[in-house]
Protein backbone atom coordinates (compact mmCIF):
# COMPACT_ATOMS: atom_id res chain seq x y z
CA UNK A 1 29.71 -11.59 4.16
CA UNK A 2 29.12 -8.59 1.90
CA UNK A 3 29.48 -5.16 3.51
CA UNK A 4 27.68 -2.17 2.02
CA UNK A 5 26.81 1.41 2.95
CA UNK A 6 23.12 1.59 2.18
CA UNK A 7 20.63 -1.25 1.85
CA UNK A 8 17.07 -0.62 0.65
CA UNK A 9 14.59 -3.40 1.34
CA UNK A 10 11.59 -3.32 -1.00
CA UNK A 11 10.75 -1.48 -4.17
CA UNK A 12 7.74 0.61 -5.15
CA UNK A 13 7.67 4.43 -5.12
CA UNK A 14 9.34 4.64 -1.69
CA UNK A 15 12.16 2.21 -2.39
CA UNK A 16 12.99 3.45 -5.87
CA UNK A 17 12.87 7.11 -4.83
CA UNK A 18 15.12 6.38 -1.86
CA UNK A 19 17.49 4.67 -4.28
CA UNK A 20 17.54 7.67 -6.63
CA UNK A 21 18.43 10.07 -3.83
CA UNK A 22 20.88 7.70 -2.16
CA UNK A 23 22.68 6.98 -5.41
CA UNK A 24 22.98 10.67 -6.25
CA UNK A 25 24.47 11.18 -2.77
CA UNK A 26 27.10 8.53 -3.58
CA UNK A 27 25.84 6.11 -0.95
CA UNK A 28 26.14 3.25 -3.47
CA UNK A 29 22.76 1.78 -2.52
CA UNK A 30 21.83 -1.85 -2.98
CA UNK A 31 18.10 -2.46 -3.40
CA UNK A 32 16.37 -5.81 -3.08
CA UNK A 33 13.03 -5.71 -4.88
CA UNK A 34 11.25 -8.38 -2.84
CA UNK A 35 8.39 -10.68 -3.80
CA UNK A 36 6.57 -8.03 -5.87
CA UNK A 37 9.07 -5.88 -7.81
CA UNK A 38 7.54 -2.44 -8.18
CA UNK A 39 5.13 -2.94 -5.30
CA UNK A 40 1.35 -2.63 -5.20
CA UNK A 41 1.19 -0.18 -8.09
CA UNK A 42 2.13 -2.91 -10.55
CA UNK A 43 -1.33 -4.37 -9.90
CA UNK A 44 -3.02 -1.05 -10.78
CA UNK A 45 -4.09 -0.48 -14.36
CA UNK A 46 -4.02 3.32 -14.76
CA UNK A 47 -2.62 6.05 -12.52
CA UNK A 48 -3.88 9.57 -13.12
CA UNK A 49 -3.09 11.35 -9.85
CA UNK A 50 0.73 11.19 -9.85
CA UNK A 51 2.27 14.53 -10.92
CA UNK A 52 4.09 14.56 -14.23
CA UNK A 53 1.79 12.21 -16.15
CA UNK A 54 -0.95 14.47 -17.56
CA UNK A 55 -2.53 11.71 -19.64
CA UNK A 56 -2.08 9.00 -17.01
CA UNK A 57 0.20 5.98 -16.97
CA UNK A 58 -0.03 2.32 -16.11
CA UNK A 59 1.25 1.32 -12.68
CA UNK A 60 3.69 -1.13 -14.23
CA UNK A 61 5.15 1.49 -16.58
CA UNK A 62 5.51 4.11 -13.85
CA UNK A 63 7.40 1.68 -11.65
CA UNK A 64 9.60 0.74 -14.61
CA UNK A 65 10.36 4.45 -15.14
CA UNK A 66 11.32 4.88 -11.47
CA UNK A 67 13.42 1.72 -11.57
CA UNK A 68 15.29 2.88 -14.67
CA UNK A 69 15.94 6.26 -13.06
CA UNK A 70 17.42 4.54 -10.00
CA UNK A 71 19.58 2.39 -12.28
CA UNK A 72 20.76 5.45 -14.19
CA UNK A 73 22.38 6.86 -11.07
CA UNK A 74 24.09 3.61 -10.18
CA UNK A 75 21.74 1.76 -7.84
CA UNK A 76 22.54 -1.94 -7.58
CA UNK A 77 19.04 -3.43 -7.99
CA UNK A 78 18.80 -7.11 -7.22
CA UNK A 79 16.16 -9.80 -7.29
CA UNK A 80 15.77 -11.46 -3.93
CA UNK A 81 13.75 -11.58 -0.75
CA UNK A 82 15.06 -10.60 2.65
CA UNK A 83 14.26 -13.51 4.94
CA UNK A 84 15.89 -12.50 8.22
CA UNK A 85 17.27 -9.35 9.84
CA UNK A 86 19.20 -8.31 12.91
CA UNK A 87 18.93 -4.57 13.33
CA UNK A 88 21.13 -2.95 15.95
CA UNK A 89 23.04 0.31 16.03
CA UNK A 90 26.17 -0.05 13.90
CA UNK A 91 25.29 -3.67 13.22
CA UNK A 92 22.60 -4.33 10.63
CA UNK A 93 22.76 -7.92 9.48
CA UNK A 94 20.42 -8.94 6.66
CA UNK A 95 19.99 -12.39 5.16
CA UNK A 96 18.63 -12.69 1.62
CA UNK A 97 16.89 -15.80 0.31
CA UNK A 98 17.89 -17.67 3.44
CA UNK A 99 21.60 -17.72 2.67
CA UNK A 100 23.31 -14.54 1.49
CA UNK A 101 24.56 -12.39 4.39
CA UNK A 102 24.86 -8.62 4.11
CA UNK A 103 26.05 -6.11 6.69
CA UNK A 104 24.78 -2.58 6.02
CA UNK A 105 25.72 0.71 7.65
CA UNK A 106 22.22 2.04 7.06
CA UNK A 107 18.99 0.30 6.14
CA UNK A 108 15.86 1.75 4.55
CA UNK A 109 12.76 -0.41 5.02
CA UNK A 110 10.23 0.17 2.23
CA UNK A 111 8.36 -3.12 2.15
CA UNK A 112 4.91 -1.56 1.76
CA UNK A 113 1.54 -2.87 2.87
CA UNK A 114 -0.86 -5.38 1.41
CA UNK A 115 -4.57 -4.69 1.08
CA UNK A 116 -6.83 -7.18 2.79
CA UNK A 117 -9.11 -9.10 0.43
CA UNK A 118 -12.15 -11.24 1.01
CA UNK A 119 -10.45 -14.33 -0.35
CA UNK A 120 -12.89 -14.92 -3.20
CA UNK A 121 -11.59 -16.41 -6.47
CA UNK A 122 -13.52 -13.71 -8.34
CA UNK A 123 -11.36 -11.01 -6.77
CA UNK A 124 -8.35 -12.30 -8.68
CA UNK A 125 -10.41 -12.87 -11.80
CA UNK A 126 -11.56 -9.25 -11.92
CA UNK A 127 -8.40 -7.61 -10.60
CA UNK A 128 -8.00 -4.39 -12.55
CA UNK A 129 -11.37 -5.03 -14.20
CA UNK A 130 -13.72 -3.72 -11.55
CA UNK A 131 -12.12 -4.76 -8.27
CA UNK A 132 -10.02 -2.21 -6.39
CA UNK A 133 -8.62 -1.68 -2.91
CA UNK A 134 -7.99 2.04 -3.42
CA UNK A 135 -10.90 4.40 -3.95
CA UNK A 136 -8.61 7.42 -4.21
CA UNK A 137 -6.55 5.70 -6.92
CA UNK A 138 -9.36 4.27 -9.05
CA UNK A 139 -12.55 6.11 -8.16
CA UNK A 140 -12.15 8.54 -11.05
CA UNK A 141 -12.78 5.71 -13.52
CA UNK A 142 -16.27 5.16 -12.11
CA UNK A 143 -17.70 8.63 -12.58
CA UNK A 144 -21.50 8.56 -12.87
CA UNK A 145 -21.51 4.79 -12.38
CA UNK A 146 -22.74 2.51 -9.60
CA UNK A 147 -20.26 0.98 -7.20
CA UNK A 148 -20.14 -0.91 -3.93
CA UNK A 149 -17.76 -0.47 -1.00
CA UNK A 150 -17.10 -3.38 1.36
CA UNK A 151 -16.41 -2.53 5.00
CA UNK A 152 -17.85 -0.91 8.08
CA UNK A 153 -15.02 1.15 9.57
CA UNK A 154 -13.77 4.68 9.08
CA UNK A 155 -11.85 3.76 5.91
CA UNK A 156 -14.95 2.26 4.30
CA UNK A 157 -17.02 5.31 5.20
CA UNK A 158 -14.32 7.65 3.91
CA UNK A 159 -14.14 5.71 0.65
CA UNK A 160 -17.92 5.71 0.29
CA UNK A 161 -18.07 9.46 0.84
CA UNK A 162 -15.24 10.07 -1.62
CA UNK A 163 -16.92 7.90 -4.25
CA UNK A 164 -20.30 9.54 -3.64
CA UNK A 165 -18.84 12.73 -5.10
CA UNK A 166 -17.97 10.89 -8.32
CA UNK A 167 -20.48 8.09 -8.71
CA UNK A 168 -24.18 7.96 -9.37
CA UNK A 169 -24.78 5.46 -6.58
CA UNK A 170 -22.66 3.92 -3.80
CA UNK A 171 -23.70 0.79 -1.91
CA UNK A 172 -21.90 0.36 1.40
CA UNK A 173 -21.91 -3.37 2.17
CA UNK A 174 -21.54 -4.05 5.89
CA UNK A 175 -21.19 -7.61 7.18
CA UNK A 176 -22.51 -6.75 10.64
CA UNK A 177 -25.71 -4.94 11.60
CA UNK A 178 -23.82 -1.80 12.64
CA UNK A 179 -20.97 0.44 11.50
CA UNK A 180 -17.69 0.37 13.37
CA UNK A 181 -16.82 3.84 12.11
CA UNK A 182 -16.68 6.89 14.35
CA UNK A 183 -19.98 8.62 15.04
CA UNK A 184 -19.11 11.61 12.90
CA UNK A 185 -18.29 9.38 9.93
CA UNK A 186 -21.50 7.41 10.40
CA UNK A 187 -23.53 10.62 10.40
CA UNK A 188 -21.89 11.85 7.20
CA UNK A 189 -22.57 8.59 5.40
CA UNK A 190 -26.18 8.43 6.51
CA UNK A 191 -26.80 11.99 5.35
CA UNK A 192 -25.38 11.41 1.87
CA UNK A 193 -28.32 10.79 -0.44
CA UNK A 194 -26.56 8.62 -3.00
CA UNK A 195 -25.03 6.26 -0.41
CA UNK A 196 -27.11 3.24 0.57
CA UNK A 197 -25.89 1.34 3.63
CA UNK A 198 -26.73 -2.35 3.37
CA UNK A 199 -26.29 -4.04 6.74
CA UNK A 200 -25.75 -7.78 7.12
CA UNK A 201 -24.76 -8.18 3.47
CA UNK A 202 -21.66 -10.10 2.35
CA UNK A 203 -20.16 -10.45 -1.10
CA UNK A 204 -19.96 -14.12 -2.08
CA UNK A 205 -19.19 -13.70 -5.78
CA UNK A 206 -18.88 -11.38 -8.76
CA UNK A 207 -20.07 -11.66 -12.33
CA UNK A 208 -19.58 -9.93 -15.67
CA UNK A 209 -18.29 -10.60 -19.18
CA UNK A 210 -15.41 -8.15 -19.66
CA UNK A 211 -15.38 -6.73 -16.15
CA UNK A 212 -17.52 -6.52 -13.06
CA UNK A 213 -21.20 -6.11 -13.85
CA UNK A 214 -22.58 -7.16 -10.50
CA UNK A 215 -22.05 -8.87 -7.16
CA UNK A 216 -23.74 -11.85 -5.61
CA UNK A 217 -24.62 -11.11 -1.99
CA UNK A 218 -25.59 -13.17 1.01
CA UNK A 219 -28.01 -11.43 3.37
CA UNK A 220 -28.46 -12.37 7.05
CA UNK A 221 -25.78 -15.05 7.39
CA UNK A 222 -26.80 -17.44 10.16
CA UNK A 223 -30.40 -16.23 10.11
CA UNK A 224 -33.01 -16.26 7.38
CA UNK A 225 -30.38 -16.27 4.68
CA UNK A 226 -31.11 -14.89 1.24
CA UNK A 227 -28.94 -14.66 -1.86
CA UNK A 228 -29.40 -11.71 -4.16
CA UNK A 229 -27.78 -10.04 -7.12
CA UNK A 230 -26.61 -6.41 -6.99
CA UNK A 231 -25.81 -4.74 -10.33
CA UNK A 232 -22.64 -2.64 -9.95
CA UNK A 233 -19.81 -1.41 -12.16
CA UNK A 234 -17.07 -1.70 -9.56
CA UNK A 235 -16.28 -3.17 -6.15
CA UNK A 236 -14.03 -1.34 -3.69
CA UNK A 237 -12.55 -3.22 -0.75
CA UNK A 238 -12.04 -1.16 2.39
CA UNK A 239 -11.42 -3.78 5.04
CA UNK A 240 -7.92 -2.67 5.91
CA UNK A 241 -4.27 -3.21 5.05
CA UNK A 242 -1.53 -5.38 6.50
CA UNK A 243 1.84 -3.60 6.70
CA UNK A 244 4.67 -5.88 5.60
CA UNK A 245 6.58 -5.34 8.81
CA UNK A 246 6.55 -8.72 10.57
CA UNK A 247 10.16 -9.38 9.62
CA UNK A 248 11.28 -6.25 11.49
CA UNK A 249 8.93 -6.21 14.48
CA UNK A 250 11.48 -7.76 16.85
CA UNK A 251 13.70 -4.70 16.46
CA UNK A 252 11.53 -1.80 15.24
CA UNK A 253 8.67 -0.32 17.22
CA UNK A 254 5.28 -0.73 15.56
CA UNK A 255 1.75 0.38 16.37
CA UNK A 256 -1.04 -2.04 17.19
CA UNK A 257 -1.73 -2.59 13.49
CA UNK A 258 1.90 -3.36 12.73
CA UNK A 259 2.90 -0.10 11.03
CA UNK A 260 6.48 0.90 11.82
CA UNK A 261 6.64 3.89 14.14
CA UNK A 262 8.85 6.80 13.18
CA UNK A 263 9.81 10.06 14.89
CA UNK A 264 7.20 12.64 13.97
CA UNK A 265 7.17 13.39 10.26
CA UNK A 266 10.62 11.85 9.77
CA UNK A 267 11.49 8.32 8.61
CA UNK A 268 13.71 7.78 11.68
CA UNK A 269 12.96 4.59 13.63
CA UNK A 270 13.96 3.59 17.15
CA UNK A 271 17.12 1.89 15.81
CA UNK A 272 19.81 4.42 14.81
CA UNK A 273 20.70 4.02 11.16
CA UNK A 274 17.44 2.29 10.24
CA UNK A 275 14.74 4.23 8.42
CA UNK A 276 11.22 3.37 7.28
CA UNK A 277 9.55 4.74 4.16
CA UNK A 278 6.29 4.26 2.31
CA UNK A 279 3.18 2.35 3.27
CA UNK A 280 4.93 0.14 5.83
CA UNK A 281 5.08 3.24 8.04
CA UNK A 282 1.99 5.07 6.78
CA UNK A 283 -1.43 3.94 8.07
CA UNK A 284 -3.09 7.18 6.98
CA UNK A 285 -2.37 8.20 3.37
CA UNK A 286 -0.95 5.20 1.49
CA UNK A 287 -0.51 7.07 -1.80
CA UNK A 288 2.25 6.75 -4.37
CA UNK A 289 3.18 10.42 -4.06
CA UNK A 290 3.47 10.32 -0.26
CA UNK A 291 5.46 7.09 -0.45
CA UNK A 292 7.88 8.67 -2.91
CA UNK A 293 8.27 11.70 -0.64
CA UNK A 294 9.04 9.50 2.36
CA UNK A 295 11.62 7.60 0.29
CA UNK A 296 13.33 10.91 -0.45
CA UNK A 297 13.36 11.79 3.26
CA UNK A 298 14.71 8.35 4.20
CA UNK A 299 17.65 8.67 1.82
CA UNK A 300 18.44 12.18 3.04
CA UNK A 301 18.34 11.02 6.66
CA UNK A 302 20.53 8.04 5.79
CA UNK A 303 23.11 10.37 4.24
CA UNK A 304 22.98 12.65 7.28
CA UNK A 305 23.43 9.69 9.61
CA UNK A 306 26.47 8.43 7.72
CA UNK A 307 28.08 11.89 7.73
CA UNK A 308 27.48 12.38 11.44
CA UNK A 309 28.96 8.98 12.17
CA UNK A 310 31.96 9.52 9.89
CA UNK A 311 30.92 6.57 7.77
CA UNK A 312 30.31 8.21 4.41
């Protein structure tokens, strides 16, 4: 069994930033990148809202930059997937790829969250070419264009309102005949002139030559069904996220959606010596910059924990 000071599970802005700070603090961190090295941002084409990149940067390149910075300070970055954990105070056992055993003094969980998709083949076909699960990340590229948002909850309404300030027209596609969003959010959407709420409409396909040019919709499923074509330049999915926390739920407290609970604005979990950073513990913001900030905090708390327990 390998024994280490600091283990970081997952990459992305949170994991790599935690690694940078932990390495500079001489915690000799080991980071396992997981099934998607670099995290969700590697599936994003251009990022323009992360400080320090005035002309924008691709998600893949930004993650490569963060990875190289973590390597520069001595982080041991490894390929591999954590398949089992046992998280207890002063005893954090982690199994990688079903066989390698690691005992870590402190653990930083930064496994992120995965956006929920409709499950249509066209979503993969047009990934990065008109299909997005982050209005805040990609809305800027659709200025003065026509887009559609899929969903009926607060997130969908928030995305529709955000996009209405950028786009010429926003179609809010709601599968049911009502909005699940809070009353105040419903009122705001209904009052926005360039938002059209389309109840009982489902996306069943997308079309376009070099990107999304429109969506095929099914109206009134189970009733007098009708298929129609909706010309749009982009499709935004706002049907929720799944935090990648199932592996840890036996030991770490989570909310009803599965997000890891932490103490206030800190990354401290209910298990001493275990910290959570990034989207796996953030149901509200889910931005690269906030994930990076939480990774910084997690590494600083990990260092503090080791000092207080005479383990550094």
